[in-house]
Amino acid sequence: MNVRAIAVVVCLMAMTACSTSGVRSLENETTATLESKIEVGQTSKETVLDIMGSPTSTSFTDSGLEVISYEFEDTTPGLRNFIPYNILSQVADGKRKQLTVLFDDQGIVKRFVLNEAKVQQRWGLLE
């Protein structure tokens, strides 16, 4: 293999490395760990922001209650991505977490839910 081919393979491998996005504080959280930190009917919005940091998004219900969400995604490239000259089909597998918190009209946690899902990203000329 010549130097140019090696450089191309290294560049392609670097472009398909592991990827994380979102709010890092959510990475190691589970429903159990969140239940020990956030108590429905007791925990304030300020406390949630201290624990989790800035949310990914904020919205409001039809009745005016505030909803904040945190998202985190971690993906790892598939083995086929490392086949030299494979630009036709790339894949990355991972997990996505989303924490959604609903506050009452006093800014106290009314409900929260942590969703976790396996995700797959696909790209390339054949995808």
N, C-alpha and C. Protein backbone atom coordinates (compact mmCIF):
# COMPACT_ATOMS: atom_id res chain seq x y z
N MET A 1 0.84 -1.17 0.00
CA MET A 1 0.00 0.00 0.00
C MET A 1 0.90 1.24 0.00
N ASN A 2 0.60 2.17 -0.85
CA ASN A 2 1.42 3.37 -0.90
C ASN A 2 0.98 4.38 0.17
N VAL A 3 1.75 5.42 0.33
CA VAL A 3 1.51 6.42 1.37
C VAL A 3 0.17 7.13 1.16
N ARG A 4 -0.17 7.42 -0.07
CA ARG A 4 -1.44 8.09 -0.36
C ARG A 4 -2.63 7.23 0.06
N ALA A 5 -2.59 5.95 -0.23
CA ALA A 5 -3.68 5.04 0.15
C ALA A 5 -3.80 4.94 1.66
N ILE A 6 -2.67 4.89 2.35
CA ILE A 6 -2.69 4.84 3.81
C ILE A 6 -3.31 6.13 4.37
N ALA A 7 -2.96 7.25 3.79
CA ALA A 7 -3.51 8.53 4.25
C ALA A 7 -5.02 8.58 4.06
N VAL A 8 -5.50 8.06 2.93
CA VAL A 8 -6.94 8.03 2.67
C VAL A 8 -7.65 7.15 3.70
N VAL A 9 -7.11 5.98 3.99
CA VAL A 9 -7.71 5.06 4.97
C VAL A 9 -7.74 5.70 6.35
N VAL A 10 -6.66 6.35 6.76
CA VAL A 10 -6.61 7.01 8.06
C VAL A 10 -7.64 8.13 8.14
N CYS A 11 -7.77 8.92 7.08
CA CYS A 11 -8.76 10.00 7.07
C CYS A 11 -10.18 9.44 7.16
N LEU A 12 -10.46 8.39 6.41
CA LEU A 12 -11.80 7.79 6.47
C LEU A 12 -12.10 7.24 7.85
N MET A 13 -11.12 6.62 8.49
CA MET A 13 -11.32 6.08 9.83
C MET A 13 -11.56 7.21 10.82
N ALA A 14 -10.87 8.30 10.67
CA ALA A 14 -11.06 9.44 11.58
C ALA A 14 -12.45 10.03 11.42
N MET A 15 -12.97 10.06 10.21
CA MET A 15 -14.30 10.61 9.97
C MET A 15 -15.40 9.71 10.52
N THR A 16 -15.13 8.44 10.74
CA THR A 16 -16.15 7.52 11.22
C THR A 16 -15.93 7.13 12.66
N ALA A 17 -15.22 7.93 13.42
CA ALA A 17 -14.93 7.63 14.82
C ALA A 17 -16.20 7.77 15.66
N CYS A 18 -16.09 7.39 16.92
CA CYS A 18 -17.21 7.50 17.85
C CYS A 18 -17.71 8.94 17.90
N SER A 19 -19.00 9.06 18.17
CA SER A 19 -19.61 10.39 18.21
C SER A 19 -20.55 10.49 19.40
N THR A 20 -20.46 11.60 20.11
CA THR A 20 -21.42 11.89 21.17
C THR A 20 -21.97 13.28 20.93
N SER A 21 -23.22 13.47 21.30
CA SER A 21 -23.83 14.79 21.20
C SER A 21 -24.87 14.95 22.28
N GLY A 22 -25.13 16.19 22.64
CA GLY A 22 -26.15 16.46 23.62
C GLY A 22 -25.59 16.84 24.98
N VAL A 23 -26.42 16.70 26.00
CA VAL A 23 -26.09 17.09 27.36
C VAL A 23 -25.34 15.96 28.04
N ARG A 24 -24.06 16.16 28.28
CA ARG A 24 -23.17 15.13 28.83
C ARG A 24 -23.61 14.64 30.21
N SER A 25 -24.26 15.49 31.01
CA SER A 25 -24.68 15.09 32.35
C SER A 25 -25.73 13.97 32.32
N LEU A 26 -26.36 13.74 31.19
CA LEU A 26 -27.37 12.69 31.05
C LEU A 26 -26.75 11.33 30.73
N GLU A 27 -25.49 11.32 30.34
CA GLU A 27 -24.85 10.11 29.84
C GLU A 27 -24.98 8.91 30.78
N ASN A 28 -24.70 9.06 32.05
CA ASN A 28 -24.70 7.93 32.99
C ASN A 28 -25.95 7.85 33.86
N GLU A 29 -26.95 8.66 33.55
CA GLU A 29 -28.17 8.66 34.36
C GLU A 29 -29.10 7.51 33.96
N THR A 30 -29.79 6.99 34.96
CA THR A 30 -30.84 6.00 34.76
C THR A 30 -32.09 6.52 35.48
N THR A 31 -33.20 5.85 35.29
CA THR A 31 -34.41 6.26 36.00
C THR A 31 -34.17 6.21 37.51
N ALA A 32 -33.48 5.19 37.98
CA ALA A 32 -33.21 5.05 39.42
C ALA A 32 -32.35 6.19 39.95
N THR A 33 -31.30 6.56 39.24
CA THR A 33 -30.44 7.64 39.73
C THR A 33 -31.17 8.97 39.70
N LEU A 34 -32.01 9.17 38.69
CA LEU A 34 -32.78 10.41 38.62
C LEU A 34 -33.83 10.49 39.71
N GLU A 35 -34.45 9.34 40.04
CA GLU A 35 -35.44 9.33 41.12
C GLU A 35 -34.81 9.68 42.47
N SER A 36 -33.52 9.41 42.62
CA SER A 36 -32.85 9.76 43.87
C SER A 36 -32.47 11.25 43.91
N LYS A 37 -32.47 11.92 42.75
CA LYS A 37 -32.09 13.32 42.67
C LYS A 37 -33.29 14.26 42.49
N ILE A 38 -34.32 13.76 41.80
CA ILE A 38 -35.48 14.58 41.47
C ILE A 38 -36.71 13.94 42.12
N GLU A 39 -37.36 14.69 43.00
CA GLU A 39 -38.54 14.17 43.68
C GLU A 39 -39.78 14.92 43.20
N VAL A 40 -40.72 14.15 42.66
CA VAL A 40 -41.97 14.73 42.16
C VAL A 40 -42.68 15.44 43.32
N GLY A 41 -43.13 16.66 43.05
CA GLY A 41 -43.84 17.43 44.05
C GLY A 41 -42.94 18.18 45.02
N GLN A 42 -41.62 18.01 44.92
CA GLN A 42 -40.68 18.64 45.84
C GLN A 42 -39.57 19.43 45.15
N THR A 43 -39.01 18.87 44.09
CA THR A 43 -37.83 19.46 43.46
C THR A 43 -38.21 20.65 42.58
N SER A 44 -37.48 21.75 42.73
CA SER A 44 -37.75 22.97 41.96
C SER A 44 -37.02 22.94 40.62
N LYS A 45 -37.44 23.81 39.73
CA LYS A 45 -36.80 23.95 38.43
C LYS A 45 -35.33 24.34 38.61
N GLU A 46 -35.05 25.22 39.54
CA GLU A 46 -33.67 25.65 39.79
C GLU A 46 -32.78 24.48 40.19
N THR A 47 -33.33 23.57 41.00
CA THR A 47 -32.56 22.39 41.42
C THR A 47 -32.29 21.47 40.23
N VAL A 48 -33.30 21.28 39.38
CA VAL A 48 -33.11 20.46 38.18
C VAL A 48 -32.03 21.06 37.30
N LEU A 49 -32.06 22.37 37.12
CA LEU A 49 -31.04 23.04 36.30
C LEU A 49 -29.65 22.92 36.95
N ASP A 50 -29.57 22.96 38.27
CA ASP A 50 -28.29 22.77 38.96
C ASP A 50 -27.76 21.36 38.74
N ILE A 51 -28.65 20.38 38.78
CA ILE A 51 -28.25 18.97 38.62
C ILE A 51 -27.87 18.65 37.19
N MET A 52 -28.71 19.07 36.23
CA MET A 52 -28.56 18.65 34.84
C MET A 52 -27.92 19.69 33.92
N GLY A 53 -27.94 20.96 34.30
CA GLY A 53 -27.42 22.00 33.42
C GLY A 53 -28.50 22.53 32.51
N SER A 54 -28.10 23.24 31.48
CA SER A 54 -29.06 23.83 30.54
C SER A 54 -29.75 22.75 29.72
N PRO A 55 -31.06 22.87 29.52
CA PRO A 55 -31.79 21.87 28.74
C PRO A 55 -31.53 22.00 27.25
N THR A 56 -31.81 20.93 26.53
CA THR A 56 -31.71 20.93 25.08
C THR A 56 -32.85 21.73 24.47
N SER A 57 -34.04 21.63 25.09
CA SER A 57 -35.19 22.38 24.59
C SER A 57 -36.16 22.70 25.72
N THR A 58 -36.97 23.73 25.49
CA THR A 58 -38.00 24.15 26.43
C THR A 58 -39.29 24.38 25.64
N SER A 59 -40.41 23.92 26.20
CA SER A 59 -41.70 24.15 25.55
C SER A 59 -42.75 24.33 26.64
N PHE A 60 -43.99 24.56 26.21
CA PHE A 60 -45.09 24.78 27.14
C PHE A 60 -46.29 23.96 26.71
N THR A 61 -47.04 23.47 27.68
CA THR A 61 -48.26 22.74 27.39
C THR A 61 -49.36 23.74 27.02
N ASP A 62 -50.51 23.22 26.57
CA ASP A 62 -51.65 24.09 26.22
C ASP A 62 -52.12 24.90 27.42
N SER A 63 -51.94 24.35 28.62
CA SER A 63 -52.38 25.06 29.82
C SER A 63 -51.28 25.96 30.40
N GLY A 64 -50.14 26.06 29.72
CA GLY A 64 -49.09 26.98 30.13
C GLY A 64 -48.01 26.40 31.04
N LEU A 65 -48.04 25.09 31.30
CA LEU A 65 -47.00 24.48 32.14
C LEU A 65 -45.72 24.31 31.33
N GLU A 66 -44.59 24.52 31.97
CA GLU A 66 -43.30 24.45 31.30
C GLU A 66 -42.79 23.01 31.23
N VAL A 67 -42.22 22.65 30.09
CA VAL A 67 -41.62 21.34 29.86
C VAL A 67 -40.20 21.56 29.37
N ILE A 68 -39.22 20.95 30.05
CA ILE A 68 -37.84 21.03 29.56
C ILE A 68 -37.35 19.63 29.22
N SER A 69 -36.48 19.55 28.24
CA SER A 69 -35.95 18.27 27.77
C SER A 69 -34.45 18.31 27.66
N TYR A 70 -33.85 17.16 27.97
CA TYR A 70 -32.41 16.96 27.82
C TYR A 70 -32.22 15.76 26.90
N GLU A 71 -31.26 15.84 25.99
CA GLU A 71 -30.97 14.73 25.09
C GLU A 71 -29.48 14.44 25.08
N PHE A 72 -29.16 13.16 24.94
CA PHE A 72 -27.77 12.72 24.82
C PHE A 72 -27.74 11.53 23.86
N GLU A 73 -26.77 11.52 22.95
CA GLU A 73 -26.62 10.42 22.00
C GLU A 73 -25.15 10.03 21.91
N ASP A 74 -24.93 8.73 21.90
CA ASP A 74 -23.57 8.18 21.80
C ASP A 74 -23.58 7.08 20.75
N THR A 75 -22.79 7.23 19.69
CA THR A 75 -22.75 6.24 18.61
C THR A 75 -21.32 5.78 18.34
N THR A 76 -21.23 4.55 17.83
CA THR A 76 -19.96 3.93 17.49
C THR A 76 -20.06 3.42 16.05
N PRO A 77 -19.04 3.61 15.24
CA PRO A 77 -19.11 3.16 13.85
C PRO A 77 -19.14 1.64 13.74
N GLY A 78 -19.83 1.14 12.72
CA GLY A 78 -19.88 -0.29 12.44
C GLY A 78 -18.59 -0.77 11.81
N LEU A 79 -18.35 -2.05 11.90
CA LEU A 79 -17.11 -2.64 11.37
C LEU A 79 -16.98 -2.44 9.86
N ARG A 80 -18.09 -2.48 9.15
CA ARG A 80 -17.98 -2.34 7.69
C ARG A 80 -17.46 -0.97 7.26
N ASN A 81 -17.51 0.01 8.17
CA ASN A 81 -16.99 1.34 7.85
C ASN A 81 -15.49 1.32 7.63
N PHE A 82 -14.82 0.30 8.14
CA PHE A 82 -13.36 0.25 8.09
C PHE A 82 -12.84 -0.58 6.91
N ILE A 83 -13.73 -1.01 6.03
CA ILE A 83 -13.30 -1.69 4.81
C ILE A 83 -12.72 -0.62 3.89
N PRO A 84 -11.49 -0.77 3.49
CA PRO A 84 -10.88 0.26 2.63
C PRO A 84 -11.73 0.54 1.39
N TYR A 85 -11.84 1.80 1.06
CA TYR A 85 -12.55 2.30 -0.11
C TYR A 85 -14.07 2.09 -0.04
N ASN A 86 -14.60 1.76 1.12
CA ASN A 86 -16.05 1.59 1.25
C ASN A 86 -16.70 2.95 1.49
N ILE A 87 -17.22 3.55 0.43
CA ILE A 87 -17.95 4.81 0.57
C ILE A 87 -19.42 4.61 0.22
N LEU A 88 -19.79 3.37 -0.08
CA LEU A 88 -21.14 3.09 -0.51
C LEU A 88 -22.13 2.99 0.63
N SER A 89 -21.69 2.45 1.77
CA SER A 89 -22.62 2.22 2.87
C SER A 89 -21.88 2.29 4.19
N GLN A 90 -22.23 3.28 5.00
CA GLN A 90 -21.63 3.47 6.32
C GLN A 90 -22.74 3.35 7.37
N VAL A 91 -22.37 2.93 8.57
CA VAL A 91 -23.36 2.76 9.63
C VAL A 91 -22.74 3.08 10.99
N ALA A 92 -23.55 3.59 11.90
CA ALA A 92 -23.13 3.82 13.28
C ALA A 92 -24.28 3.40 14.19
N ASP A 93 -23.98 2.62 15.21
CA ASP A 93 -24.97 2.15 16.17
C ASP A 93 -24.73 2.82 17.51
N GLY A 94 -25.79 3.01 18.27
CA GLY A 94 -25.61 3.62 19.58
C GLY A 94 -26.89 3.70 20.36
N LYS A 95 -26.89 4.63 21.31
CA LYS A 95 -28.07 4.82 22.14
C LYS A 95 -28.36 6.31 22.29
N ARG A 96 -29.64 6.60 22.47
CA ARG A 96 -30.10 7.97 22.67
C ARG A 96 -30.92 7.99 23.96
N LYS A 97 -30.67 9.00 24.78
CA LYS A 97 -31.44 9.19 26.01
C LYS A 97 -32.12 10.55 25.93
N GLN A 98 -33.34 10.59 26.46
CA GLN A 98 -34.06 11.86 26.53
C GLN A 98 -34.77 11.94 27.88
N LEU A 99 -34.48 12.99 28.62
CA LEU A 99 -35.15 13.27 29.88
C LEU A 99 -36.10 14.42 29.65
N THR A 100 -37.39 14.21 29.98
CA THR A 100 -38.40 15.24 29.85
C THR A 100 -38.97 15.52 31.24
N VAL A 101 -39.00 16.80 31.61
CA VAL A 101 -39.47 17.20 32.94
C VAL A 101 -40.61 18.21 32.77
N LEU A 102 -41.75 17.93 33.43
CA LEU A 102 -42.90 18.81 33.43
C LEU A 102 -42.98 19.49 34.79
N PHE A 103 -43.11 20.82 34.77
CA PHE A 103 -43.21 21.60 36.00
C PHE A 103 -44.63 22.09 36.19
N ASP A 104 -45.06 22.21 37.45
CA ASP A 104 -46.37 22.79 37.73
C ASP A 104 -46.27 24.32 37.63
N ASP A 105 -47.36 25.01 37.93
CA ASP A 105 -47.36 26.47 37.77
C ASP A 105 -46.52 27.19 38.83
N GLN A 106 -46.00 26.45 39.82
CA GLN A 106 -45.11 27.02 40.83
C GLN A 106 -43.63 26.71 40.53
N GLY A 107 -43.36 26.01 39.42
CA GLY A 107 -41.99 25.67 39.06
C GLY A 107 -41.46 24.46 39.82
N ILE A 108 -42.35 23.59 40.27
CA ILE A 108 -41.99 22.36 40.97
C ILE A 108 -42.24 21.18 40.03
N VAL A 109 -41.38 20.16 40.08
CA VAL A 109 -41.50 19.00 39.20
C VAL A 109 -42.86 18.32 39.42
N LYS A 110 -43.62 18.21 38.35
CA LYS A 110 -44.93 17.54 38.39
C LYS A 110 -44.78 16.09 37.94
N ARG A 111 -43.96 15.88 36.89
CA ARG A 111 -43.66 14.55 36.35
C ARG A 111 -42.35 14.62 35.60
N PHE A 112 -41.69 13.47 35.49
CA PHE A 112 -40.53 13.38 34.59
C PHE A 112 -40.42 11.96 34.08
N VAL A 113 -39.78 11.83 32.92
CA VAL A 113 -39.60 10.52 32.32
C VAL A 113 -38.25 10.50 31.59
N LEU A 114 -37.56 9.37 31.71
CA LEU A 114 -36.31 9.15 30.98
C LEU A 114 -36.56 8.07 29.94
N ASN A 115 -36.39 8.41 28.67
CA ASN A 115 -36.54 7.45 27.58
C ASN A 115 -35.16 7.09 27.06
N GLU A 116 -34.96 5.80 26.80
CA GLU A 116 -33.71 5.32 26.20
C GLU A 116 -34.06 4.48 24.98
N ALA A 117 -33.33 4.69 23.90
CA ALA A 117 -33.59 3.95 22.67
C ALA A 117 -32.28 3.62 21.97
N LYS A 118 -32.26 2.46 21.33
CA LYS A 118 -31.13 2.13 20.47
C LYS A 118 -31.35 2.86 19.15
N VAL A 119 -30.28 3.44 18.61
CA VAL A 119 -30.38 4.18 17.36
C VAL A 119 -29.35 3.66 16.37
N GLN A 120 -29.65 3.88 15.09
CA GLN A 120 -28.70 3.52 14.04
C GLN A 120 -28.73 4.63 13.00
N GLN A 121 -27.54 5.11 12.66
CA GLN A 121 -27.39 6.11 11.61
C GLN A 121 -26.77 5.43 10.41
N ARG A 122 -27.30 5.71 9.24
CA ARG A 122 -26.79 5.12 7.99
C ARG A 122 -26.57 6.24 6.98
N TRP A 123 -25.48 6.15 6.24
CA TRP A 123 -25.21 7.14 5.20
C TRP A 123 -24.30 6.51 4.16
N GLY A 124 -24.19 7.15 3.04
CA GLY A 124 -23.37 6.66 1.94
C GLY A 124 -24.16 6.68 0.65
N LEU A 125 -23.55 6.29 -0.41
CA LEU A 125 -24.17 6.34 -1.72
C LEU A 125 -25.33 5.36 -1.88
N LEU A 126 -25.32 4.24 -1.13
CA LEU A 126 -26.38 3.25 -1.24
C LEU A 126 -27.44 3.36 -0.15
N GLU A 127 -27.33 4.35 0.69
CA GLU A 127 -28.28 4.46 1.80
C GLU A 127 -29.36 5.45 1.52
